[in-house]
């Protein structure tokens, strides 16, 4: 009977991952990397310090917070006064175009550089996440989720809007929220027969050009939700072009994604309860030994490369 229940749990967990759709990378802000030699940013996200201009004078408007909804870290954004104006706490999956006149600033997807875009080819029904917010003088925070093809920027020009497939926007409201609170926002689609290529997420702790000094926002555990009954969904994603291989020696697991190209891939290893045991980045066509000592048992490995998911059951003896 014990073996029956273990098999049932395995089938459910594997089936759930196998049929799950594309997700944002590092949406729980657990993975961070050094940039410009002195500061860290969450992997696959960028700030004013890695913008396309004014990085030497740009303020740091975020930090890696240990006040997390789950895991070890969350993203903490804050508005500060600089150059006689208030700089928004901001983070994006694309890149920021900075300008001394903040009305000329925007975020955008740079399709030519891996660091400045996030691939995503699903059509989610909604997006959820967790947040806390400190509002100053009626300020509010926002998170914009824009699914698109080709080049796109936010705020968008009329010609950019032609590439917009769907969008969702969350606003904190102008009240302070001291406990972790869940939000859920539906996507609105503008192209019914088009799969997006990218997702541009822009998180801001202030109300655009009217941001107030001292407002703060914490964000964690963003997740795209797919409704099987959603009639706007485009069925049948293509079969991923690569192959995922694994080896284990004792309590260590080595992973190889046979896939052409140099763009890094994101991996997550789950136990049978659905808990993430270890996650991080790997380079295609190179063996990567995961930095975790594993207990004997069955795990499920999910690797995402340029929007394509690879799923594999792993047995550690």
C-alpha atoms as a PDB file:
ATOM      1  CA  UNK A   1       0.000   0.000   0.000  1.00  0.00           C
ATOM      2  CA  UNK A   2       2.857   2.390   0.813  1.00  0.00           C
ATOM      3  CA  UNK A   3       4.349   1.848  -2.647  1.00  0.00           C
ATOM      4  CA  UNK A   4       0.938   2.474  -4.211  1.00  0.00           C
ATOM      5  CA  UNK A   5       0.630   5.893  -2.543  1.00  0.00           C
ATOM      6  CA  UNK A   6       4.198   6.834  -3.487  1.00  0.00           C
ATOM      7  CA  UNK A   7       3.453   5.900  -7.097  1.00  0.00           C
ATOM      8  CA  UNK A   8       0.218   7.902  -7.026  1.00  0.00           C
ATOM      9  CA  UNK A   9       2.004  10.985  -5.666  1.00  0.00           C
ATOM     10  CA  UNK A  10       4.729  10.603  -8.299  1.00  0.00           C
ATOM     11  CA  UNK A  11       2.213  10.353 -11.137  1.00  0.00           C
ATOM     12  CA  UNK A  12       0.371  13.443  -9.887  1.00  0.00           C
ATOM     13  CA  UNK A  13       3.526  15.505  -9.394  1.00  0.00           C
ATOM     14  CA  UNK A  14       5.057  14.486 -12.725  1.00  0.00           C
ATOM     15  CA  UNK A  15       1.776  15.038 -14.551  1.00  0.00           C
ATOM     16  CA  UNK A  16       1.377  18.491 -13.025  1.00  0.00           C
ATOM     17  CA  UNK A  17       4.829  19.586 -14.110  1.00  0.00           C
ATOM     18  CA  UNK A  18       4.573  17.930 -17.507  1.00  0.00           C
ATOM     19  CA  UNK A  19       1.385  19.775 -18.368  1.00  0.00           C
ATOM     20  CA  UNK A  20       2.329  23.054 -16.716  1.00  0.00           C
ATOM     21  CA  UNK A  21       2.876  26.001 -19.019  1.00  0.00           C
ATOM     22  CA  UNK A  22       5.669  28.493 -19.391  1.00  0.00           C
ATOM     23  CA  UNK A  23       6.576  30.575 -16.338  1.00  0.00           C
ATOM     24  CA  UNK A  24       8.654  33.664 -15.677  1.00  0.00           C
ATOM     25  CA  UNK A  25      12.241  32.934 -14.710  1.00  0.00           C
ATOM     26  CA  UNK A  26      13.396  33.633 -11.153  1.00  0.00           C
ATOM     27  CA  UNK A  27       9.926  34.922 -10.256  1.00  0.00           C
ATOM     28  CA  UNK A  28      10.574  34.209  -6.571  1.00  0.00           C
ATOM     29  CA  UNK A  29      13.756  36.347  -6.560  1.00  0.00           C
ATOM     30  CA  UNK A  30      15.859  33.576  -5.017  1.00  0.00           C
ATOM     31  CA  UNK A  31      18.748  33.810  -7.519  1.00  0.00           C
ATOM     32  CA  UNK A  32      20.989  36.929  -7.486  1.00  0.00           C
ATOM     33  CA  UNK A  33      24.180  37.784  -9.387  1.00  0.00           C
ATOM     34  CA  UNK A  34      26.890  40.439  -9.209  1.00  0.00           C
ATOM     35  CA  UNK A  35      26.689  43.285 -11.732  1.00  0.00           C
ATOM     36  CA  UNK A  36      29.146  46.113 -12.324  1.00  0.00           C
ATOM     37  CA  UNK A  37      31.446  44.507  -9.776  1.00  0.00           C
ATOM     38  CA  UNK A  38      29.844  45.954  -6.653  1.00  0.00           C
ATOM     39  CA  UNK A  39      26.099  45.287  -6.473  1.00  0.00           C
ATOM     40  CA  UNK A  40      23.712  42.384  -7.024  1.00  0.00           C
ATOM     41  CA  UNK A  41      20.586  42.102  -9.142  1.00  0.00           C
ATOM     42  CA  UNK A  42      18.107  39.213  -9.335  1.00  0.00           C
ATOM     43  CA  UNK A  43      19.013  36.905 -12.224  1.00  0.00           C
ATOM     44  CA  UNK A  44      17.027  37.775 -15.400  1.00  0.00           C
ATOM     45  CA  UNK A  45      15.935  41.131 -13.930  1.00  0.00           C
ATOM     46  CA  UNK A  46      17.569  44.554 -14.306  1.00  0.00           C
ATOM     47  CA  UNK A  47      17.584  47.914 -12.526  1.00  0.00           C
ATOM     48  CA  UNK A  48      18.758  51.491 -13.055  1.00  0.00           C
ATOM     49  CA  UNK A  49      22.326  50.284 -12.395  1.00  0.00           C
ATOM     50  CA  UNK A  50      22.279  48.205 -15.604  1.00  0.00           C
ATOM     51  CA  UNK A  51      20.283  50.699 -17.693  1.00  0.00           C
ATOM     52  CA  UNK A  52      21.450  51.779 -21.150  1.00  0.00           C
ATOM     53  CA  UNK A  53      22.536  55.229 -19.879  1.00  0.00           C
ATOM     54  CA  UNK A  54      23.471  57.182 -16.721  1.00  0.00           C
ATOM     55  CA  UNK A  55      24.465  54.067 -14.755  1.00  0.00           C
ATOM     56  CA  UNK A  56      27.329  55.893 -12.988  1.00  0.00           C
ATOM     57  CA  UNK A  57      24.960  58.437 -11.431  1.00  0.00           C
ATOM     58  CA  UNK A  58      21.879  56.237 -11.119  1.00  0.00           C
ATOM     59  CA  UNK A  59      20.774  55.578  -7.524  1.00  0.00           C
ATOM     60  CA  UNK A  60      20.276  52.105  -6.077  1.00  0.00           C
ATOM     61  CA  UNK A  61      16.514  51.862  -5.531  1.00  0.00           C
ATOM     62  CA  UNK A  62      16.172  48.220  -4.458  1.00  0.00           C
ATOM     63  CA  UNK A  63      17.735  45.544  -2.305  1.00  0.00           C
ATOM     64  CA  UNK A  64      17.691  41.793  -1.668  1.00  0.00           C
ATOM     65  CA  UNK A  65      15.328  41.467   1.275  1.00  0.00           C
ATOM     66  CA  UNK A  66      15.311  38.550   3.704  1.00  0.00           C
ATOM     67  CA  UNK A  67      11.684  39.415   4.511  1.00  0.00           C
ATOM     68  CA  UNK A  68      10.245  36.862   2.083  1.00  0.00           C
ATOM     69  CA  UNK A  69       6.833  35.322   1.552  1.00  0.00           C
ATOM     70  CA  UNK A  70       8.585  32.006   0.831  1.00  0.00           C
ATOM     71  CA  UNK A  71      12.185  30.932   0.330  1.00  0.00           C
ATOM     72  CA  UNK A  72      15.057  33.120   1.499  1.00  0.00           C
ATOM     73  CA  UNK A  73      14.605  36.393  -0.398  1.00  0.00           C
ATOM     74  CA  UNK A  74      12.133  38.820  -1.882  1.00  0.00           C
ATOM     75  CA  UNK A  75      12.546  41.975  -3.985  1.00  0.00           C
ATOM     76  CA  UNK A  76      12.440  45.244  -2.014  1.00  0.00           C
ATOM     77  CA  UNK A  77      11.975  48.508  -3.957  1.00  0.00           C
ATOM     78  CA  UNK A  78      12.029  52.049  -2.544  1.00  0.00           C
ATOM     79  CA  UNK A  79      11.697  55.618  -3.825  1.00  0.00           C
ATOM     80  CA  UNK A  80      14.503  58.068  -3.054  1.00  0.00           C
ATOM     81  CA  UNK A  81      15.148  61.709  -3.855  1.00  0.00           C
ATOM     82  CA  UNK A  82      17.977  62.423  -6.284  1.00  0.00           C
ATOM     83  CA  UNK A  83      18.814  65.392  -8.532  1.00  0.00           C
ATOM     84  CA  UNK A  84      15.870  67.336  -7.061  1.00  0.00           C
ATOM     85  CA  UNK A  85      13.426  64.662  -8.186  1.00  0.00           C
ATOM     86  CA  UNK A  86      12.112  61.387  -6.782  1.00  0.00           C
ATOM     87  CA  UNK A  87      13.503  58.231  -8.397  1.00  0.00           C
ATOM     88  CA  UNK A  88      11.103  55.292  -8.535  1.00  0.00           C
ATOM     89  CA  UNK A  89      12.137  51.980  -7.138  1.00  0.00           C
ATOM     90  CA  UNK A  90      12.045  49.958 -10.359  1.00  0.00           C
ATOM     91  CA  UNK A  91      12.948  46.505 -11.658  1.00  0.00           C
ATOM     92  CA  UNK A  92      12.223  44.909 -15.041  1.00  0.00           C
ATOM     93  CA  UNK A  93      12.688  41.732 -17.053  1.00  0.00           C
ATOM     94  CA  UNK A  94      13.828  43.953 -19.946  1.00  0.00           C
ATOM     95  CA  UNK A  95      16.116  46.958 -19.750  1.00  0.00           C
ATOM     96  CA  UNK A  96      15.626  50.526 -18.552  1.00  0.00           C
ATOM     97  CA  UNK A  97      16.254  53.506 -20.810  1.00  0.00           C
ATOM     98  CA  UNK A  98      17.343  56.243 -18.398  1.00  0.00           C
ATOM     99  CA  UNK A  99      17.072  59.973 -18.959  1.00  0.00           C
ATOM    100  CA  UNK A 100      17.627  62.989 -16.701  1.00  0.00           C
ATOM    101  CA  UNK A 101      14.103  63.981 -17.686  1.00  0.00           C
ATOM    102  CA  UNK A 102      12.217  61.043 -16.222  1.00  0.00           C
ATOM    103  CA  UNK A 103       9.297  61.633 -18.594  1.00  0.00           C
ATOM    104  CA  UNK A 104      11.609  60.330 -21.350  1.00  0.00           C
ATOM    105  CA  UNK A 105      12.489  57.133 -19.470  1.00  0.00           C
ATOM    106  CA  UNK A 106      10.987  53.736 -20.264  1.00  0.00           C
ATOM    107  CA  UNK A 107      11.572  49.983 -20.005  1.00  0.00           C
ATOM    108  CA  UNK A 108      11.958  47.804 -23.096  1.00  0.00           C
ATOM    109  CA  UNK A 109      12.667  44.315 -24.372  1.00  0.00           C
ATOM    110  CA  UNK A 110      16.022  44.069 -26.138  1.00  0.00           C
ATOM    111  CA  UNK A 111      15.498  41.001 -28.318  1.00  0.00           C
ATOM    112  CA  UNK A 112      19.168  40.831 -29.335  1.00  0.00           C
ATOM    113  CA  UNK A 113      20.649  40.433 -25.837  1.00  0.00           C
ATOM    114  CA  UNK A 114      19.869  37.516 -23.513  1.00  0.00           C
ATOM    115  CA  UNK A 115      20.334  39.657 -20.401  1.00  0.00           C
ATOM    116  CA  UNK A 116      17.677  42.169 -21.448  1.00  0.00           C
ATOM    117  CA  UNK A 117      14.725  40.002 -22.405  1.00  0.00           C
ATOM    118  CA  UNK A 118      12.642  37.149 -20.984  1.00  0.00           C
ATOM    119  CA  UNK A 119      11.215  34.564 -23.393  1.00  0.00           C
ATOM    120  CA  UNK A 120       7.676  33.378 -22.807  1.00  0.00           C
ATOM    121  CA  UNK A 121       5.438  31.601 -25.318  1.00  0.00           C
ATOM    122  CA  UNK A 122       2.364  30.813 -23.206  1.00  0.00           C
ATOM    123  CA  UNK A 123      -0.998  32.569 -23.025  1.00  0.00           C
ATOM    124  CA  UNK A 124      -1.781  32.643 -19.285  1.00  0.00           C
ATOM    125  CA  UNK A 125      -5.250  33.348 -17.988  1.00  0.00           C
ATOM    126  CA  UNK A 126      -4.027  35.444 -15.042  1.00  0.00           C
ATOM    127  CA  UNK A 127      -1.031  36.258 -12.875  1.00  0.00           C
ATOM    128  CA  UNK A 128      -0.685  35.988  -9.103  1.00  0.00           C
ATOM    129  CA  UNK A 129       1.886  37.174  -6.612  1.00  0.00           C
ATOM    130  CA  UNK A 130       2.509  38.394  -3.082  1.00  0.00           C
ATOM    131  CA  UNK A 131       3.322  41.927  -1.948  1.00  0.00           C
ATOM    132  CA  UNK A 132       3.639  44.370   0.937  1.00  0.00           C
ATOM    133  CA  UNK A 133       3.530  48.140   0.548  1.00  0.00           C
ATOM    134  CA  UNK A 134       4.374  51.301   2.483  1.00  0.00           C
ATOM    135  CA  UNK A 135       2.495  54.255   0.997  1.00  0.00           C
ATOM    136  CA  UNK A 136       3.640  57.862   1.520  1.00  0.00           C
ATOM    137  CA  UNK A 137       1.166  60.701   0.809  1.00  0.00           C
ATOM    138  CA  UNK A 138      -1.203  58.505  -1.209  1.00  0.00           C
ATOM    139  CA  UNK A 139       1.514  56.931  -3.367  1.00  0.00           C
ATOM    140  CA  UNK A 140       0.939  53.499  -4.943  1.00  0.00           C
ATOM    141  CA  UNK A 141       3.005  50.737  -6.537  1.00  0.00           C
ATOM    142  CA  UNK A 142       2.355  48.901  -9.801  1.00  0.00           C
ATOM    143  CA  UNK A 143       3.381  45.743 -11.638  1.00  0.00           C
ATOM    144  CA  UNK A 144       2.846  45.653 -15.404  1.00  0.00           C
ATOM    145  CA  UNK A 145       2.921  42.331 -17.273  1.00  0.00           C
ATOM    146  CA  UNK A 146       3.097  42.753 -21.073  1.00  0.00           C
ATOM    147  CA  UNK A 147       3.104  39.725 -23.407  1.00  0.00           C
ATOM    148  CA  UNK A 148       4.391  40.638 -26.848  1.00  0.00           C
ATOM    149  CA  UNK A 149       6.185  39.704 -30.055  1.00  0.00           C
ATOM    150  CA  UNK A 150       9.277  41.518 -31.357  1.00  0.00           C
ATOM    151  CA  UNK A 151      10.371  44.807 -29.822  1.00  0.00           C
ATOM    152  CA  UNK A 152       8.221  46.439 -27.144  1.00  0.00           C
ATOM    153  CA  UNK A 153       8.595  49.310 -24.670  1.00  0.00           C
ATOM    154  CA  UNK A 154       6.659  50.621 -21.671  1.00  0.00           C
ATOM    155  CA  UNK A 155       5.165  53.236 -21.867  1.00  0.00           C
ATOM    156  CA  UNK A 156       4.400  52.184 -25.427  1.00  0.00           C
ATOM    157  CA  UNK A 157       4.301  54.311 -28.557  1.00  0.00           C
ATOM    158  CA  UNK A 158       1.526  53.615 -31.095  1.00  0.00           C
ATOM    159  CA  UNK A 159       3.898  51.582 -33.291  1.00  0.00           C
ATOM    160  CA  UNK A 160       5.011  49.474 -30.305  1.00  0.00           C
ATOM    161  CA  UNK A 161       1.424  48.619 -29.424  1.00  0.00           C
ATOM    162  CA  UNK A 162       1.160  46.647 -32.674  1.00  0.00           C
ATOM    163  CA  UNK A 163       3.392  43.997 -31.047  1.00  0.00           C
ATOM    164  CA  UNK A 164       1.365  43.724 -27.835  1.00  0.00           C
ATOM    165  CA  UNK A 165      -0.397  40.345 -27.486  1.00  0.00           C
ATOM    166  CA  UNK A 166      -1.849  40.719 -23.986  1.00  0.00           C
ATOM    167  CA  UNK A 167      -1.338  42.543 -20.710  1.00  0.00           C
ATOM    168  CA  UNK A 168      -2.212  42.622 -17.015  1.00  0.00           C
ATOM    169  CA  UNK A 169      -1.603  45.382 -14.469  1.00  0.00           C
ATOM    170  CA  UNK A 170      -1.618  45.187 -10.672  1.00  0.00           C
ATOM    171  CA  UNK A 171      -1.854  48.270  -8.452  1.00  0.00           C
ATOM    172  CA  UNK A 172      -1.276  48.226  -4.698  1.00  0.00           C
ATOM    173  CA  UNK A 173      -3.712  51.055  -4.052  1.00  0.00           C
ATOM    174  CA  UNK A 174      -2.739  54.029  -1.915  1.00  0.00           C
ATOM    175  CA  UNK A 175      -2.859  52.293   1.474  1.00  0.00           C
ATOM    176  CA  UNK A 176      -0.047  50.734   3.500  1.00  0.00           C
ATOM    177  CA  UNK A 177      -0.124  46.914   3.578  1.00  0.00           C
ATOM    178  CA  UNK A 178       2.101  45.495   6.332  1.00  0.00           C
ATOM    179  CA  UNK A 179       1.420  41.743   5.925  1.00  0.00           C
ATOM    180  CA  UNK A 180       2.178  39.613   2.884  1.00  0.00           C
ATOM    181  CA  UNK A 181      -0.945  39.803   0.714  1.00  0.00           C
ATOM    182  CA  UNK A 182      -1.836  37.806  -2.399  1.00  0.00           C
ATOM    183  CA  UNK A 183      -3.034  39.427  -5.610  1.00  0.00           C
ATOM    184  CA  UNK A 184      -4.545  37.903  -8.748  1.00  0.00           C
ATOM    185  CA  UNK A 185      -5.037  39.858 -11.997  1.00  0.00           C
ATOM    186  CA  UNK A 186      -6.498  38.554 -15.309  1.00  0.00           C
ATOM    187  CA  UNK A 187      -4.802  39.065 -18.664  1.00  0.00           C
ATOM    188  CA  UNK A 188      -6.552  40.964 -21.428  1.00  0.00           C
ATOM    189  CA  UNK A 189      -5.663  39.742 -24.936  1.00  0.00           C
ATOM    190  CA  UNK A 190      -5.505  41.916 -28.044  1.00  0.00           C
ATOM    191  CA  UNK A 191      -4.353  39.278 -30.555  1.00  0.00           C
ATOM    192  CA  UNK A 192      -6.518  36.161 -30.410  1.00  0.00           C
ATOM    193  CA  UNK A 193      -4.437  33.885 -32.649  1.00  0.00           C
ATOM    194  CA  UNK A 194      -0.909  34.878 -31.648  1.00  0.00           C
ATOM    195  CA  UNK A 195       1.504  33.277 -29.197  1.00  0.00           C
ATOM    196  CA  UNK A 196       3.752  35.840 -27.505  1.00  0.00           C
ATOM    197  CA  UNK A 197       7.524  35.569 -27.711  1.00  0.00           C
ATOM    198  CA  UNK A 198       8.441  37.632 -24.651  1.00  0.00           C
ATOM    199  CA  UNK A 199       7.111  38.979 -21.378  1.00  0.00           C
ATOM    200  CA  UNK A 200       8.085  42.467 -20.215  1.00  0.00           C
ATOM    201  CA  UNK A 201       7.451  42.865 -16.493  1.00  0.00           C
ATOM    202  CA  UNK A 202       7.959  46.281 -14.896  1.00  0.00           C
ATOM    203  CA  UNK A 203       7.698  46.638 -11.118  1.00  0.00           C
ATOM    204  CA  UNK A 204       7.558  50.130  -9.631  1.00  0.00           C
ATOM    205  CA  UNK A 205       7.250  51.229  -5.996  1.00  0.00           C
ATOM    206  CA  UNK A 206       5.919  54.672  -6.968  1.00  0.00           C
ATOM    207  CA  UNK A 207       3.088  56.151  -8.997  1.00  0.00           C
ATOM    208  CA  UNK A 208       4.962  56.985 -12.180  1.00  0.00           C
ATOM    209  CA  UNK A 209       5.999  60.636 -12.461  1.00  0.00           C
ATOM    210  CA  UNK A 210       4.193  61.400  -9.156  1.00  0.00           C
ATOM    211  CA  UNK A 211       6.187  58.980  -6.975  1.00  0.00           C
ATOM    212  CA  UNK A 212       6.672  60.049  -3.352  1.00  0.00           C
ATOM    213  CA  UNK A 213       9.968  59.840  -1.483  1.00  0.00           C
ATOM    214  CA  UNK A 214       9.971  57.031   1.086  1.00  0.00           C
ATOM    215  CA  UNK A 215       7.367  54.706  -0.459  1.00  0.00           C
ATOM    216  CA  UNK A 216       8.461  51.041  -0.376  1.00  0.00           C
ATOM    217  CA  UNK A 217       7.290  47.807  -1.981  1.00  0.00           C
ATOM    218  CA  UNK A 218       8.129  44.147  -1.382  1.00  0.00           C
ATOM    219  CA  UNK A 219       7.319  41.542  -4.081  1.00  0.00           C
ATOM    220  CA  UNK A 220       7.647  37.744  -4.081  1.00  0.00           C
ATOM    221  CA  UNK A 221       6.400  34.555  -5.756  1.00  0.00           C
ATOM    222  CA  UNK A 222       5.011  35.843  -9.055  1.00  0.00           C
ATOM    223  CA  UNK A 223       3.247  33.068 -11.003  1.00  0.00           C
ATOM    224  CA  UNK A 224       1.370  32.758 -14.272  1.00  0.00           C
ATOM    225  CA  UNK A 225      -1.898  30.808 -14.085  1.00  0.00           C
ATOM    226  CA  UNK A 226      -3.283  28.820 -17.028  1.00  0.00           C
ATOM    227  CA  UNK A 227      -6.961  27.932 -17.183  1.00  0.00           C
ATOM    228  CA  UNK A 228      -7.609  24.795 -19.292  1.00  0.00           C
ATOM    229  CA  UNK A 229     -11.031  26.178 -20.177  1.00  0.00           C
ATOM    230  CA  UNK A 230      -9.696  29.504 -21.416  1.00  0.00           C
ATOM    231  CA  UNK A 231     -10.974  29.877 -24.979  1.00  0.00           C
ATOM    232  CA  UNK A 232      -8.244  32.414 -25.782  1.00  0.00           C
ATOM    233  CA  UNK A 233      -5.531  29.802 -25.280  1.00  0.00           C
ATOM    234  CA  UNK A 234      -3.597  28.649 -28.331  1.00  0.00           C
ATOM    235  CA  UNK A 235      -3.267  24.827 -28.010  1.00  0.00           C
ATOM    236  CA  UNK A 236      -0.226  22.625 -28.403  1.00  0.00           C
ATOM    237  CA  UNK A 237       3.136  24.221 -27.790  1.00  0.00           C
ATOM    238  CA  UNK A 238       5.857  22.918 -30.075  1.00  0.00           C
ATOM    239  CA  UNK A 239       8.145  20.093 -28.940  1.00  0.00           C
ATOM    240  CA  UNK A 240      11.369  21.536 -27.446  1.00  0.00           C
ATOM    241  CA  UNK A 241      14.317  21.049 -29.826  1.00  0.00           C
ATOM    242  CA  UNK A 242      16.886  19.831 -27.277  1.00  0.00           C
ATOM    243  CA  UNK A 243      17.410  16.883 -24.912  1.00  0.00           C
ATOM    244  CA  UNK A 244      17.798  16.819 -21.114  1.00  0.00           C
ATOM    245  CA  UNK A 245      20.182  14.262 -19.554  1.00  0.00           C
ATOM    246  CA  UNK A 246      21.031  13.558 -15.909  1.00  0.00           C
ATOM    247  CA  UNK A 247      23.524  11.491 -13.888  1.00  0.00           C
ATOM    248  CA  UNK A 248      23.833  11.074 -10.155  1.00  0.00           C
ATOM    249  CA  UNK A 249      26.809   9.929  -8.087  1.00  0.00           C
ATOM    250  CA  UNK A 250      25.863   9.446  -4.478  1.00  0.00           C
ATOM    251  CA  UNK A 251      23.992  12.518  -3.270  1.00  0.00           C
ATOM    252  CA  UNK A 252      25.000  14.744  -6.214  1.00  0.00           C
ATOM    253  CA  UNK A 253      23.074  15.291  -9.441  1.00  0.00           C
ATOM    254  CA  UNK A 254      24.678  16.368 -12.731  1.00  0.00           C
ATOM    255  CA  UNK A 255      22.592  17.871 -15.527  1.00  0.00           C
ATOM    256  CA  UNK A 256      23.268  18.348 -19.243  1.00  0.00           C
ATOM    257  CA  UNK A 257      20.937  20.181 -21.616  1.00  0.00           C
ATOM    258  CA  UNK A 258      21.861  19.248 -25.178  1.00  0.00           C
ATOM    259  CA  UNK A 259      20.670  22.390 -26.906  1.00  0.00           C
ATOM    260  CA  UNK A 260      22.393  24.696 -29.421  1.00  0.00           C
ATOM    261  CA  UNK A 261      22.949  28.314 -28.441  1.00  0.00           C
ATOM    262  CA  UNK A 262      24.612  30.155 -25.608  1.00  0.00           C
ATOM    263  CA  UNK A 263      21.645  31.599 -23.690  1.00  0.00           C
ATOM    264  CA  UNK A 264      21.643  30.225 -20.110  1.00  0.00           C
ATOM    265  CA  UNK A 265      18.787  28.007 -18.918  1.00  0.00           C
ATOM    266  CA  UNK A 266      16.900  28.115 -15.607  1.00  0.00           C
ATOM    267  CA  UNK A 267      16.479  24.890 -13.613  1.00  0.00           C
ATOM    268  CA  UNK A 268      14.420  23.835 -10.604  1.00  0.00           C
ATOM    269  CA  UNK A 269      14.504  20.447  -8.843  1.00  0.00           C
ATOM    270  CA  UNK A 270      11.305  19.427  -6.995  1.00  0.00           C
ATOM    271  CA  UNK A 271      10.629  16.721  -4.440  1.00  0.00           C
ATOM    272  CA  UNK A 272       7.366  14.745  -4.489  1.00  0.00           C
ATOM    273  CA  UNK A 273       5.573  17.320  -2.337  1.00  0.00           C
ATOM    274  CA  UNK A 274       6.230  20.005  -4.969  1.00  0.00           C
ATOM    275  CA  UNK A 275       8.857  21.765  -2.820  1.00  0.00           C
ATOM    276  CA  UNK A 276      11.768  23.341  -4.700  1.00  0.00           C
ATOM    277  CA  UNK A 277      14.921  21.616  -3.436  1.00  0.00           C
ATOM    278  CA  UNK A 278      17.414  23.654  -5.485  1.00  0.00           C
ATOM    279  CA  UNK A 279      17.206  26.075  -8.403  1.00  0.00           C
ATOM    280  CA  UNK A 280      19.623  28.129 -10.462  1.00  0.00           C
ATOM    281  CA  UNK A 281      21.133  28.685 -13.905  1.00  0.00           C
ATOM    282  CA  UNK A 282      23.033  26.354 -16.226  1.00  0.00           C
ATOM    283  CA  UNK A 283      24.759  26.683 -19.593  1.00  0.00           C
ATOM    284  CA  UNK A 284      23.490  24.502 -22.464  1.00  0.00           C
ATOM    285  CA  UNK A 285      25.891  21.798 -23.713  1.00  0.00           C
ATOM    286  CA  UNK A 286      27.892  21.962 -20.465  1.00  0.00           C
ATOM    287  CA  UNK A 287      27.555  19.528 -17.567  1.00  0.00           C
ATOM    288  CA  UNK A 288      26.378  21.218 -14.371  1.00  0.00           C
ATOM    289  CA  UNK A 289      26.501  19.572 -10.940  1.00  0.00           C
ATOM    290  CA  UNK A 290      23.677  20.960  -8.822  1.00  0.00           C
ATOM    291  CA  UNK A 291      24.840  22.561  -5.539  1.00  0.00           C
ATOM    292  CA  UNK A 292      22.758  20.402  -3.196  1.00  0.00           C
ATOM    293  CA  UNK A 293      23.264  17.187  -1.265  1.00  0.00           C
ATOM    294  CA  UNK A 294      20.210  15.061  -2.071  1.00  0.00           C
ATOM    295  CA  UNK A 295      18.484  12.475   0.081  1.00  0.00           C
ATOM    296  CA  UNK A 296      17.625   9.136  -1.510  1.00  0.00           C
ATOM    297  CA  UNK A 297      14.335   9.297  -3.374  1.00  0.00           C
ATOM    298  CA  UNK A 298      12.529  10.487  -6.476  1.00  0.00           C
ATOM    299  CA  UNK A 299      12.716  14.064  -7.774  1.00  0.00           C
ATOM    300  CA  UNK A 300      11.401  15.954 -10.768  1.00  0.00           C
ATOM    301  CA  UNK A 301      13.739  18.243 -12.696  1.00  0.00           C
ATOM    302  CA  UNK A 302      12.378  21.107 -14.774  1.00  0.00           C
ATOM    303  CA  UNK A 303      14.698  23.124 -17.036  1.00  0.00           C
ATOM    304  CA  UNK A 304      13.463  26.162 -18.993  1.00  0.00           C
ATOM    305  CA  UNK A 305      15.499  27.413 -21.957  1.00  0.00           C
ATOM    306  CA  UNK A 306      14.242  30.377 -24.006  1.00  0.00           C
ATOM    307  CA  UNK A 307      10.656  29.586 -23.045  1.00  0.00           C
ATOM    308  CA  UNK A 308      10.898  25.822 -23.743  1.00  0.00           C
ATOM    309  CA  UNK A 309      10.300  23.526 -20.719  1.00  0.00           C
ATOM    310  CA  UNK A 310      12.170  20.218 -20.286  1.00  0.00           C
ATOM    311  CA  UNK A 311      10.894  17.780 -17.623  1.00  0.00           C
ATOM    312  CA  UNK A 312      12.678  14.676 -16.304  1.00  0.00           C
ATOM    313  CA  UNK A 313      12.091  12.246 -13.421  1.00  0.00           C
ATOM    314  CA  UNK A 314      15.259  11.651 -11.364  1.00  0.00           C
ATOM    315  CA  UNK A 315      15.956   8.736  -9.011  1.00  0.00           C
ATOM    316  CA  UNK A 316      18.673   9.199  -6.364  1.00  0.00           C
ATOM    317  CA  UNK A 317      19.710   5.819  -4.939  1.00  0.00           C
END
